[in-house]
C-alpha atoms as a PDB file:
ATOM      1  CA  UNK A   1       0.172   0.318  -0.245  1.00  0.00           C
ATOM      2  CA  UNK A   2       0.917   3.282  -1.163  1.00  0.00           C
ATOM      3  CA  UNK A   3       1.514   6.394   2.218  1.00  0.00           C
ATOM      4  CA  UNK A   4       1.537   9.996   1.877  1.00  0.00           C
ATOM      5  CA  UNK A   5       3.962  11.776   0.335  1.00  0.00           C
ATOM      6  CA  UNK A   6       4.712  14.067   2.768  1.00  0.00           C
ATOM      7  CA  UNK A   7       4.740  18.054   1.526  1.00  0.00           C
ATOM      8  CA  UNK A   8       8.696  18.643   2.419  1.00  0.00           C
ATOM      9  CA  UNK A   9       9.487  15.095  -0.011  1.00  0.00           C
ATOM     10  CA  UNK A  10       7.413  16.193  -2.538  1.00  0.00           C
ATOM     11  CA  UNK A  11       9.205  19.870  -1.950  1.00  0.00           C
ATOM     12  CA  UNK A  12      11.978  17.385  -3.043  1.00  0.00           C
ATOM     13  CA  UNK A  13      11.384  15.386  -5.394  1.00  0.00           C
ATOM     14  CA  UNK A  14       9.853  19.049  -7.371  1.00  0.00           C
ATOM     15  CA  UNK A  15      13.715  20.641  -7.107  1.00  0.00           C
ATOM     16  CA  UNK A  16      15.211  18.212  -8.430  1.00  0.00           C
ATOM     17  CA  UNK A  17      13.002  18.587 -12.099  1.00  0.00           C
ATOM     18  CA  UNK A  18      14.745  20.691 -14.530  1.00  0.00           C
ATOM     19  CA  UNK A  19      13.224  24.444 -14.751  1.00  0.00           C
ATOM     20  CA  UNK A  20      11.010  23.043 -17.600  1.00  0.00           C
ATOM     21  CA  UNK A  21       9.664  20.278 -15.864  1.00  0.00           C
ATOM     22  CA  UNK A  22       8.849  22.644 -12.664  1.00  0.00           C
ATOM     23  CA  UNK A  23       6.964  25.202 -14.729  1.00  0.00           C
ATOM     24  CA  UNK A  24       5.019  22.627 -15.889  1.00  0.00           C
ATOM     25  CA  UNK A  25       3.931  21.286 -12.795  1.00  0.00           C
ATOM     26  CA  UNK A  26       3.187  24.607 -11.241  1.00  0.00           C
ATOM     27  CA  UNK A  27       0.666  24.487 -14.591  1.00  0.00           C
ATOM     28  CA  UNK A  28      -1.528  20.819 -13.304  1.00  0.00           C
ATOM     29  CA  UNK A  29      -0.886  21.763  -9.943  1.00  0.00           C
ATOM     30  CA  UNK A  30      -2.288  25.320 -10.460  1.00  0.00           C
ATOM     31  CA  UNK A  31      -5.773  23.122 -13.138  1.00  0.00           C
ATOM     32  CA  UNK A  32      -6.110  20.582 -10.254  1.00  0.00           C
ATOM     33  CA  UNK A  33      -6.794  23.356  -8.013  1.00  0.00           C
ATOM     34  CA  UNK A  34      -9.406  25.599 -10.263  1.00  0.00           C
ATOM     35  CA  UNK A  35     -10.936  22.624 -11.058  1.00  0.00           C
ATOM     36  CA  UNK A  36     -11.892  21.026  -7.381  1.00  0.00           C
ATOM     37  CA  UNK A  37     -12.014  24.490  -7.058  1.00  0.00           C
ATOM     38  CA  UNK A  38     -15.388  24.019  -9.460  1.00  0.00           C
ATOM     39  CA  UNK A  39     -16.329  21.098  -8.856  1.00  0.00           C
ATOM     40  CA  UNK A  40     -17.410  22.561  -5.134  1.00  0.00           C
ATOM     41  CA  UNK A  41     -19.058  25.487  -6.309  1.00  0.00           C
ATOM     42  CA  UNK A  42     -20.427  23.274  -8.300  1.00  0.00           C
ATOM     43  CA  UNK A  43     -21.911  20.662  -4.873  1.00  0.00           C
ATOM     44  CA  UNK A  44     -23.209  23.691  -3.659  1.00  0.00           C
ATOM     45  CA  UNK A  45     -25.007  24.919  -6.548  1.00  0.00           C
ATOM     46  CA  UNK A  46     -26.730  21.449  -6.483  1.00  0.00           C
ATOM     47  CA  UNK A  47     -27.368  21.281  -2.957  1.00  0.00           C
ATOM     48  CA  UNK A  48     -28.547  24.804  -2.592  1.00  0.00           C
ATOM     49  CA  UNK A  49     -31.302  24.130  -5.657  1.00  0.00           C
ATOM     50  CA  UNK A  50     -32.573  20.637  -4.476  1.00  0.00           C
ATOM     51  CA  UNK A  51     -33.573  23.267  -0.611  1.00  0.00           C
ATOM     52  CA  UNK A  52     -34.351  25.189  -2.806  1.00  0.00           C
ATOM     53  CA  UNK A  53     -37.008  23.341  -4.544  1.00  0.00           C
ATOM     54  CA  UNK A  54     -37.763  21.325  -1.672  1.00  0.00           C
ATOM     55  CA  UNK A  55     -39.445  24.631   0.018  1.00  0.00           C
ATOM     56  CA  UNK A  56     -35.904  25.294   1.887  1.00  0.00           C
ATOM     57  CA  UNK A  57     -35.402  29.025   0.904  1.00  0.00           C
ATOM     58  CA  UNK A  58     -37.663  31.737  -0.467  1.00  0.00           C
ATOM     59  CA  UNK A  59     -36.887  33.581  -3.424  1.00  0.00           C
ATOM     60  CA  UNK A  60     -36.211  37.387  -1.327  1.00  0.00           C
ATOM     61  CA  UNK A  61     -35.175  40.815  -3.483  1.00  0.00           C
ATOM     62  CA  UNK A  62     -31.134  42.031  -3.686  1.00  0.00           C
ATOM     63  CA  UNK A  63     -32.612  44.512  -0.629  1.00  0.00           C
ATOM     64  CA  UNK A  64     -34.057  42.039   1.308  1.00  0.00           C
ATOM     65  CA  UNK A  65     -30.137  40.233   1.572  1.00  0.00           C
ATOM     66  CA  UNK A  66     -28.963  43.803   2.173  1.00  0.00           C
ATOM     67  CA  UNK A  67     -31.391  44.241   5.081  1.00  0.00           C
ATOM     68  CA  UNK A  68     -30.430  40.959   6.668  1.00  0.00           C
ATOM     69  CA  UNK A  69     -27.535  40.851   6.299  1.00  0.00           C
ATOM     70  CA  UNK A  70     -26.252  43.937   7.734  1.00  0.00           C
ATOM     71  CA  UNK A  71     -26.359  43.277  11.815  1.00  0.00           C
END
């Protein structure tokens, strides 16, 4: 079974790559982080839509939302 790679170990491995490979690694990691962020937002939106469809929330105007947000 593979054990997770420690952060310091990952940095050590990345430092052994040439500059072009390091740049590609950064690009790949950035894309993957962006994809995860988009997936998380999509999950939140889907959950919110399900809750709205189930009647847990009612539509309100922007002004009402601002009033509710103020302390």
